[in-house]
N, C-alpha and C. Protein backbone atom coordinates (compact mmCIF):
# COMPACT_ATOMS: atom_id res chain seq x y z
N MET A 1 0.88 -1.14 0.03
CA MET A 1 0.03 -0.12 -0.05
C MET A 1 0.90 1.46 -0.08
N THR A 2 0.64 2.18 -0.87
CA THR A 2 1.30 3.29 -0.92
C THR A 2 0.68 4.48 -0.21
N ILE A 3 1.49 5.19 0.67
CA ILE A 3 1.04 6.44 1.43
C ILE A 3 1.97 7.57 0.80
N ILE A 4 1.06 8.65 0.50
CA ILE A 4 1.89 9.82 -0.01
C ILE A 4 1.84 10.88 1.06
N LEU A 5 3.11 11.23 1.36
CA LEU A 5 3.16 12.19 2.50
C LEU A 5 2.94 13.63 1.90
N ASP A 6 2.37 14.36 2.97
CA ASP A 6 2.05 15.79 2.70
C ASP A 6 3.33 16.67 2.47
N ALA A 7 3.22 17.84 2.08
CA ALA A 7 4.36 18.72 1.90
C ALA A 7 4.84 19.08 3.31
N VAL A 8 3.88 19.40 4.18
CA VAL A 8 4.09 19.74 5.63
C VAL A 8 3.94 18.65 6.47
N LEU A 9 4.94 18.38 7.27
CA LEU A 9 4.73 17.30 8.24
C LEU A 9 5.17 17.88 9.66
N ASP A 10 4.14 18.83 10.19
CA ASP A 10 4.37 19.47 11.36
C ASP A 10 3.57 18.71 12.51
N THR A 11 3.48 19.22 13.70
CA THR A 11 3.04 18.63 14.67
C THR A 11 1.48 18.46 14.44
N ALA A 12 0.86 19.46 13.85
CA ALA A 12 -0.54 19.29 13.46
C ALA A 12 -0.85 18.12 12.62
N ALA A 13 0.08 17.66 11.78
CA ALA A 13 -0.19 16.65 10.90
C ALA A 13 0.18 15.33 11.37
N ALA A 14 0.88 15.11 12.60
CA ALA A 14 1.20 14.02 13.22
C ALA A 14 0.09 13.05 13.38
N GLY A 15 -1.19 13.59 14.14
CA GLY A 15 -2.17 12.65 14.29
C GLY A 15 -2.74 11.84 13.10
N SER A 16 -3.09 12.74 12.07
CA SER A 16 -3.59 12.14 10.82
C SER A 16 -2.64 11.24 10.14
N LEU A 17 -1.42 11.49 10.21
CA LEU A 17 -0.34 10.61 9.61
C LEU A 17 -0.38 9.31 10.32
N ARG A 18 -0.40 9.37 11.70
CA ARG A 18 -0.47 8.11 12.61
C ARG A 18 -1.61 7.22 12.08
N VAL A 19 -2.77 8.04 12.05
CA VAL A 19 -3.96 7.06 11.85
C VAL A 19 -3.94 6.52 10.36
N ALA A 20 -3.29 7.21 9.31
CA ALA A 20 -3.22 6.73 7.89
C ALA A 20 -2.30 5.42 7.99
N LEU A 21 -1.23 5.59 8.69
CA LEU A 21 -0.18 4.55 8.80
C LEU A 21 -0.55 3.30 9.46
N ARG A 22 -1.43 3.40 10.55
CA ARG A 22 -2.06 2.53 11.36
C ARG A 22 -2.97 1.63 10.51
N LYS A 23 -3.99 2.35 9.69
CA LYS A 23 -4.79 1.72 8.92
C LYS A 23 -4.10 0.92 7.72
N ALA A 24 -3.04 1.50 7.27
CA ALA A 24 -2.28 0.92 6.09
C ALA A 24 -1.63 -0.42 6.59
N ILE A 25 -1.08 -0.45 7.93
CA ILE A 25 -0.62 -1.45 8.50
C ILE A 25 -1.49 -2.68 8.77
N GLU A 26 -2.61 -2.32 9.12
CA GLU A 26 -3.82 -3.26 9.25
C GLU A 26 -4.10 -4.01 8.19
N THR A 27 -3.94 -3.36 6.91
CA THR A 27 -4.25 -4.05 5.70
C THR A 27 -3.40 -5.42 5.52
N GLY A 28 -2.29 -5.33 6.17
CA GLY A 28 -1.49 -6.61 5.93
C GLY A 28 -0.57 -6.55 4.75
N GLN A 29 -0.61 -5.26 3.98
CA GLN A 29 0.48 -5.27 2.85
C GLN A 29 1.68 -4.43 3.35
N PRO A 30 2.68 -4.63 2.46
CA PRO A 30 3.79 -3.90 2.69
C PRO A 30 3.43 -2.34 2.43
N LEU A 31 4.32 -1.62 3.27
CA LEU A 31 3.98 -0.09 3.11
C LEU A 31 5.08 0.59 2.24
N VAL A 32 4.56 1.47 1.33
CA VAL A 32 5.45 2.08 0.53
C VAL A 32 5.09 3.78 0.74
N ILE A 33 6.05 4.36 1.20
CA ILE A 33 5.85 5.93 1.55
C ILE A 33 6.59 6.63 0.64
N ASP A 34 5.79 7.53 -0.13
CA ASP A 34 6.28 8.45 -1.11
C ASP A 34 6.37 9.68 -0.46
N ALA A 35 7.79 10.05 -0.29
CA ALA A 35 7.99 11.36 0.38
C ALA A 35 8.67 12.45 -0.44
N GLU A 36 8.35 12.24 -1.84
CA GLU A 36 8.83 13.12 -2.73
C GLU A 36 8.59 14.72 -2.58
N HIS A 37 7.30 14.90 -2.01
CA HIS A 37 6.84 16.32 -1.92
C HIS A 37 6.99 16.99 -0.50
N VAL A 38 7.65 16.28 0.27
CA VAL A 38 7.87 16.80 1.69
C VAL A 38 8.76 18.20 1.54
N GLU A 39 8.10 19.15 2.19
CA GLU A 39 8.92 20.44 2.13
C GLU A 39 9.41 20.79 3.61
N ARG A 40 8.61 20.27 4.69
CA ARG A 40 9.12 20.49 6.04
C ARG A 40 8.63 19.31 6.80
N ALA A 41 9.49 18.82 7.65
CA ALA A 41 9.33 17.75 8.52
C ALA A 41 9.62 18.06 10.06
N GLY A 42 8.63 17.89 10.96
CA GLY A 42 9.05 17.96 12.30
C GLY A 42 9.37 16.72 13.10
N GLN A 43 9.82 16.82 14.21
CA GLN A 43 10.01 15.80 15.06
C GLN A 43 8.76 14.94 15.26
N ALA A 44 7.74 15.42 15.58
CA ALA A 44 6.29 14.52 15.98
C ALA A 44 6.16 13.61 14.57
N CYS A 45 6.18 14.09 13.37
CA CYS A 45 5.97 13.05 12.24
C CYS A 45 7.15 12.16 12.09
N LEU A 46 8.26 12.63 12.44
CA LEU A 46 9.40 11.56 12.28
C LEU A 46 9.32 10.58 13.34
N GLN A 47 8.77 10.85 14.44
CA GLN A 47 8.56 9.92 15.43
C GLN A 47 7.40 8.91 15.05
N VAL A 48 6.54 9.34 14.40
CA VAL A 48 5.19 8.70 13.84
C VAL A 48 5.88 7.58 12.72
N LEU A 49 6.70 8.12 12.00
CA LEU A 49 7.31 7.32 10.86
C LEU A 49 8.13 6.17 11.44
N VAL A 50 8.86 6.61 12.43
CA VAL A 50 9.69 5.49 13.10
C VAL A 50 8.84 4.36 13.81
N ALA A 51 7.87 4.86 14.41
CA ALA A 51 6.88 3.92 15.15
C ALA A 51 6.24 2.99 14.00
N ALA A 52 5.86 3.62 13.07
CA ALA A 52 5.18 2.94 11.99
C ALA A 52 6.04 1.70 11.40
N ARG A 53 7.35 2.30 11.18
CA ARG A 53 8.34 1.41 10.56
C ARG A 53 8.60 0.15 11.55
N SER A 54 8.65 0.38 12.89
CA SER A 54 8.78 -0.77 13.85
C SER A 54 7.60 -1.52 13.81
N THR A 55 6.50 -1.07 13.92
CA THR A 55 5.22 -1.82 13.87
C THR A 55 5.15 -2.59 12.58
N ALA A 56 5.35 -2.03 11.50
CA ALA A 56 5.35 -2.82 10.20
C ALA A 56 6.35 -4.01 10.33
N GLU A 57 7.66 -3.72 10.75
CA GLU A 57 8.47 -4.82 10.77
C GLU A 57 8.15 -6.02 11.73
N LEU A 58 7.66 -5.48 12.85
CA LEU A 58 7.16 -6.54 13.91
C LEU A 58 5.97 -7.34 13.30
N ALA A 59 5.18 -6.88 12.42
CA ALA A 59 4.11 -7.54 11.64
C ALA A 59 4.61 -8.32 10.49
N GLY A 60 5.94 -8.33 10.22
CA GLY A 60 6.36 -8.99 8.97
C GLY A 60 6.11 -8.25 7.74
N LEU A 61 5.99 -6.91 7.71
CA LEU A 61 5.48 -6.21 6.59
C LEU A 61 6.75 -5.30 6.11
N GLY A 62 6.95 -5.03 4.96
CA GLY A 62 7.92 -4.42 4.45
C GLY A 62 7.52 -2.70 4.68
N PHE A 63 8.49 -1.90 4.71
CA PHE A 63 8.28 -0.44 5.10
C PHE A 63 9.40 0.17 4.37
N ASN A 64 9.06 1.00 3.23
CA ASN A 64 10.06 1.60 2.48
C ASN A 64 9.72 2.95 2.07
N ILE A 65 10.54 3.96 2.58
CA ILE A 65 10.35 5.35 2.07
C ILE A 65 11.06 5.64 0.84
N GLN A 66 10.26 5.85 -0.29
CA GLN A 66 10.66 6.20 -1.57
C GLN A 66 10.73 7.63 -1.88
N LYS A 67 11.81 7.86 -2.75
CA LYS A 67 12.06 9.35 -3.27
C LYS A 67 11.93 10.47 -1.94
N PRO A 68 12.62 10.15 -0.95
CA PRO A 68 12.78 11.22 0.09
C PRO A 68 13.24 12.59 -0.37
N SER A 69 12.34 13.66 -0.03
CA SER A 69 12.83 14.89 -0.49
C SER A 69 14.12 15.34 0.16
N ALA A 70 14.71 16.36 -0.38
CA ALA A 70 15.91 16.77 0.25
C ALA A 70 15.71 17.36 1.77
N ALA A 71 14.46 18.06 1.79
CA ALA A 71 14.04 18.42 3.14
C ALA A 71 13.94 17.32 4.29
N LEU A 72 13.28 16.16 3.75
CA LEU A 72 13.11 15.05 4.77
C LEU A 72 14.38 14.54 5.08
N THR A 73 15.22 14.31 3.96
CA THR A 73 16.65 13.69 4.20
C THR A 73 17.39 14.59 5.28
N GLU A 74 17.37 15.75 5.03
CA GLU A 74 18.12 16.61 5.91
C GLU A 74 17.47 16.60 7.36
N MET A 75 16.33 16.55 7.47
CA MET A 75 15.70 16.55 8.73
C MET A 75 15.94 15.33 9.54
N THR A 76 15.88 14.02 8.86
CA THR A 76 16.36 12.85 9.52
C THR A 76 17.75 12.76 9.87
N ARG A 77 18.50 13.45 8.99
CA ARG A 77 20.03 13.54 9.30
C ARG A 77 20.26 14.38 10.62
N LEU A 78 19.75 15.53 10.82
CA LEU A 78 19.65 16.22 11.99
C LEU A 78 19.03 15.61 13.16
N ALA A 79 18.12 14.72 13.02
CA ALA A 79 17.39 14.09 14.10
C ALA A 79 18.18 12.85 14.43
N GLY A 80 19.25 12.42 13.59
CA GLY A 80 19.98 11.12 13.79
C GLY A 80 19.06 9.96 13.46
N LEU A 81 18.34 10.15 12.43
CA LEU A 81 17.39 9.05 11.99
C LEU A 81 17.63 8.74 10.56
N ASP A 82 18.92 9.02 10.10
CA ASP A 82 19.39 8.62 8.80
C ASP A 82 18.84 7.28 8.10
N ALA A 83 18.79 6.26 8.81
CA ALA A 83 18.39 4.97 8.48
C ALA A 83 16.94 4.96 8.12
N LEU A 84 16.16 5.92 8.32
CA LEU A 84 14.77 5.92 8.30
C LEU A 84 14.46 6.06 6.72
N VAL A 85 15.38 7.03 6.05
CA VAL A 85 15.15 7.07 4.60
C VAL A 85 16.18 6.45 3.81
N ALA A 86 17.16 5.76 4.36
CA ALA A 86 18.23 4.98 3.73
C ALA A 86 17.63 3.62 2.97
N ASN A 87 17.88 3.47 1.70
CA ASN A 87 17.58 2.26 1.00
C ASN A 87 18.52 1.33 0.83
């Protein structure tokens, strides 16, 4: 299942992102996260993505962030979460 991330992943976006990722995980399909259009990413959404990856992996599902934007890549680097966007 593919999830397309919004351009702005701030604290206000974290709740809806969490719900969308949880529903996607419940389908039992591997998750593909399209991050091409992310312009800003905050810590709350990064935490949601990390939690979703862990949950997907525990469920035996794939979790792949494709086409991470420069902004998302930089934010994960600053947060010490480089592995989140590494393929």
